[in-house]
């Protein structure tokens, strides 16, 4: 089993959701993620690392 590991940039924050852009695939669609799953101190432009079903600020 292969788990996804990648980095994102927070493009926009809209209420309880954030739109994330994958850094290694700029043509990919934005990913909508509930803010409850993200670190509370994120803001637009924050870079995140996703691994093992968790997001961390990098």
N, C-alpha and C. Protein backbone atom coordinates (compact mmCIF):
# COMPACT_ATOMS: atom_id res chain seq x y z
N UNK A 1 0.84 -1.17 0.00
CA UNK A 1 0.00 0.00 0.00
C UNK A 1 0.90 1.25 0.00
N UNK A 2 0.59 2.21 -0.88
CA UNK A 2 1.35 3.44 -0.99
C UNK A 2 0.50 4.60 -0.46
N UNK A 3 1.05 5.32 0.50
CA UNK A 3 0.35 6.49 1.04
C UNK A 3 0.84 7.75 0.34
N UNK A 4 -0.07 8.67 0.10
CA UNK A 4 0.26 9.92 -0.56
C UNK A 4 1.07 10.81 0.37
N UNK A 5 2.15 11.35 -0.14
CA UNK A 5 2.96 12.34 0.55
C UNK A 5 3.20 13.48 -0.42
N UNK A 6 2.82 14.70 -0.06
CA UNK A 6 3.02 15.83 -0.95
C UNK A 6 2.94 17.13 -0.18
N UNK A 7 3.27 18.23 -0.87
CA UNK A 7 3.24 19.56 -0.28
C UNK A 7 2.19 20.41 -0.98
N UNK A 8 1.58 21.31 -0.21
CA UNK A 8 0.53 22.19 -0.71
C UNK A 8 0.80 23.62 -0.29
N UNK A 9 0.18 24.55 -0.98
CA UNK A 9 0.11 25.94 -0.57
C UNK A 9 -1.36 26.27 -0.34
N UNK A 10 -1.65 26.99 0.75
CA UNK A 10 -3.01 27.44 1.01
C UNK A 10 -3.28 28.61 0.06
N UNK A 11 -4.18 28.40 -0.89
CA UNK A 11 -4.51 29.43 -1.87
C UNK A 11 -5.53 30.41 -1.31
N UNK A 12 -6.63 29.89 -0.78
CA UNK A 12 -7.67 30.74 -0.21
C UNK A 12 -8.27 30.07 1.02
N UNK A 13 -8.82 30.90 1.89
CA UNK A 13 -9.55 30.42 3.06
C UNK A 13 -10.93 31.03 2.99
N UNK A 14 -11.95 30.17 3.08
CA UNK A 14 -13.34 30.62 3.00
C UNK A 14 -14.13 29.96 4.11
N UNK A 15 -14.28 30.67 5.22
CA UNK A 15 -15.03 30.13 6.35
C UNK A 15 -14.35 28.90 6.93
N UNK A 16 -15.04 27.78 6.89
CA UNK A 16 -14.55 26.54 7.49
C UNK A 16 -13.72 25.70 6.53
N UNK A 17 -13.42 26.22 5.35
CA UNK A 17 -12.68 25.45 4.34
C UNK A 17 -11.50 26.22 3.80
N UNK A 18 -10.49 25.48 3.37
CA UNK A 18 -9.32 26.08 2.72
C UNK A 18 -9.13 25.36 1.39
N UNK A 19 -8.72 26.12 0.40
CA UNK A 19 -8.41 25.56 -0.92
C UNK A 19 -6.90 25.43 -1.02
N UNK A 20 -6.43 24.20 -1.27
CA UNK A 20 -5.01 23.91 -1.31
C UNK A 20 -4.56 23.62 -2.74
N UNK A 21 -3.37 24.12 -3.08
CA UNK A 21 -2.79 23.88 -4.40
C UNK A 21 -1.57 22.99 -4.21
N UNK A 22 -1.55 21.91 -4.96
CA UNK A 22 -0.43 20.96 -4.87
C UNK A 22 0.80 21.55 -5.55
N UNK A 23 1.93 21.55 -4.87
CA UNK A 23 3.14 22.19 -5.38
C UNK A 23 3.81 21.40 -6.50
N UNK A 24 3.72 20.07 -6.47
CA UNK A 24 4.39 19.27 -7.49
C UNK A 24 3.57 19.08 -8.76
N UNK A 25 2.33 19.57 -8.76
CA UNK A 25 1.46 19.45 -9.94
C UNK A 25 0.62 20.73 -10.06
N UNK A 26 1.22 21.81 -10.59
CA UNK A 26 0.52 23.09 -10.64
C UNK A 26 -0.74 23.08 -11.50
N UNK A 27 -0.90 22.10 -12.38
CA UNK A 27 -2.09 22.03 -13.22
C UNK A 27 -3.25 21.28 -12.55
N UNK A 28 -3.00 20.68 -11.41
CA UNK A 28 -4.05 19.93 -10.70
C UNK A 28 -5.10 20.88 -10.15
N UNK A 29 -6.31 20.38 -10.00
CA UNK A 29 -7.39 21.18 -9.41
C UNK A 29 -7.07 21.47 -7.95
N UNK A 30 -7.61 22.57 -7.45
CA UNK A 30 -7.44 22.90 -6.04
C UNK A 30 -8.19 21.86 -5.21
N UNK A 31 -7.66 21.58 -4.03
CA UNK A 31 -8.25 20.60 -3.12
C UNK A 31 -8.93 21.35 -1.98
N UNK A 32 -10.20 21.08 -1.77
CA UNK A 32 -10.96 21.70 -0.70
C UNK A 32 -10.84 20.84 0.57
N UNK A 33 -10.34 21.46 1.65
CA UNK A 33 -10.10 20.73 2.90
C UNK A 33 -10.74 21.49 4.05
N UNK A 34 -11.41 20.77 4.93
CA UNK A 34 -12.00 21.39 6.11
C UNK A 34 -10.89 21.94 7.00
N UNK A 35 -11.06 23.15 7.49
CA UNK A 35 -10.03 23.77 8.33
C UNK A 35 -9.80 23.01 9.62
N UNK A 36 -10.77 22.23 10.06
CA UNK A 36 -10.60 21.42 11.27
C UNK A 36 -9.49 20.38 11.09
N UNK A 37 -9.16 20.03 9.85
CA UNK A 37 -8.10 19.05 9.58
C UNK A 37 -6.73 19.70 9.42
N UNK A 38 -6.69 21.03 9.42
CA UNK A 38 -5.45 21.77 9.18
C UNK A 38 -4.96 22.43 10.47
N UNK A 39 -3.67 22.76 10.54
CA UNK A 39 -3.18 23.49 11.71
C UNK A 39 -3.94 24.80 11.88
N UNK A 40 -4.30 25.19 13.09
CA UNK A 40 -5.15 26.37 13.31
C UNK A 40 -4.51 27.68 12.90
N UNK A 41 -3.18 27.76 12.84
CA UNK A 41 -2.51 29.02 12.54
C UNK A 41 -2.27 29.27 11.06
N UNK A 42 -2.89 28.48 10.17
CA UNK A 42 -2.67 28.69 8.73
C UNK A 42 -3.24 30.02 8.28
N UNK A 43 -2.68 30.54 7.19
CA UNK A 43 -3.21 31.72 6.51
C UNK A 43 -2.92 31.53 5.03
N UNK A 44 -3.48 32.37 4.19
CA UNK A 44 -3.23 32.24 2.76
C UNK A 44 -1.74 32.37 2.49
N UNK A 45 -1.21 31.46 1.69
CA UNK A 45 0.22 31.44 1.38
C UNK A 45 1.01 30.45 2.22
N UNK A 46 0.41 29.92 3.29
CA UNK A 46 1.10 28.94 4.13
C UNK A 46 1.40 27.67 3.33
N UNK A 47 2.60 27.14 3.51
CA UNK A 47 2.96 25.86 2.87
C UNK A 47 2.73 24.73 3.85
N UNK A 48 2.12 23.66 3.36
CA UNK A 48 1.79 22.50 4.19
C UNK A 48 2.39 21.23 3.61
N UNK A 49 2.78 20.33 4.50
CA UNK A 49 3.24 19.00 4.10
C UNK A 49 2.17 18.01 4.54
N UNK A 50 1.78 17.12 3.63
CA UNK A 50 0.75 16.12 3.92
C UNK A 50 1.39 14.74 3.92
N UNK A 51 1.23 14.03 5.03
CA UNK A 51 1.76 12.67 5.14
C UNK A 51 1.01 11.96 6.26
N UNK A 52 0.73 10.70 6.06
CA UNK A 52 0.06 9.87 7.07
C UNK A 52 -1.24 10.52 7.55
N UNK A 53 -2.02 11.05 6.60
CA UNK A 53 -3.32 11.66 6.86
C UNK A 53 -3.25 12.90 7.75
N UNK A 54 -2.08 13.57 7.81
CA UNK A 54 -1.93 14.77 8.62
C UNK A 54 -1.26 15.88 7.81
N UNK A 55 -1.64 17.11 8.12
CA UNK A 55 -1.04 18.29 7.50
C UNK A 55 -0.17 18.99 8.52
N UNK A 56 1.06 19.38 8.13
CA UNK A 56 1.97 20.13 8.99
C UNK A 56 2.46 21.35 8.24
N UNK A 57 2.67 22.44 8.94
CA UNK A 57 3.24 23.64 8.33
C UNK A 57 4.73 23.42 8.09
N UNK A 58 5.18 23.82 6.88
CA UNK A 58 6.63 23.72 6.57
C UNK A 58 7.20 25.10 6.31
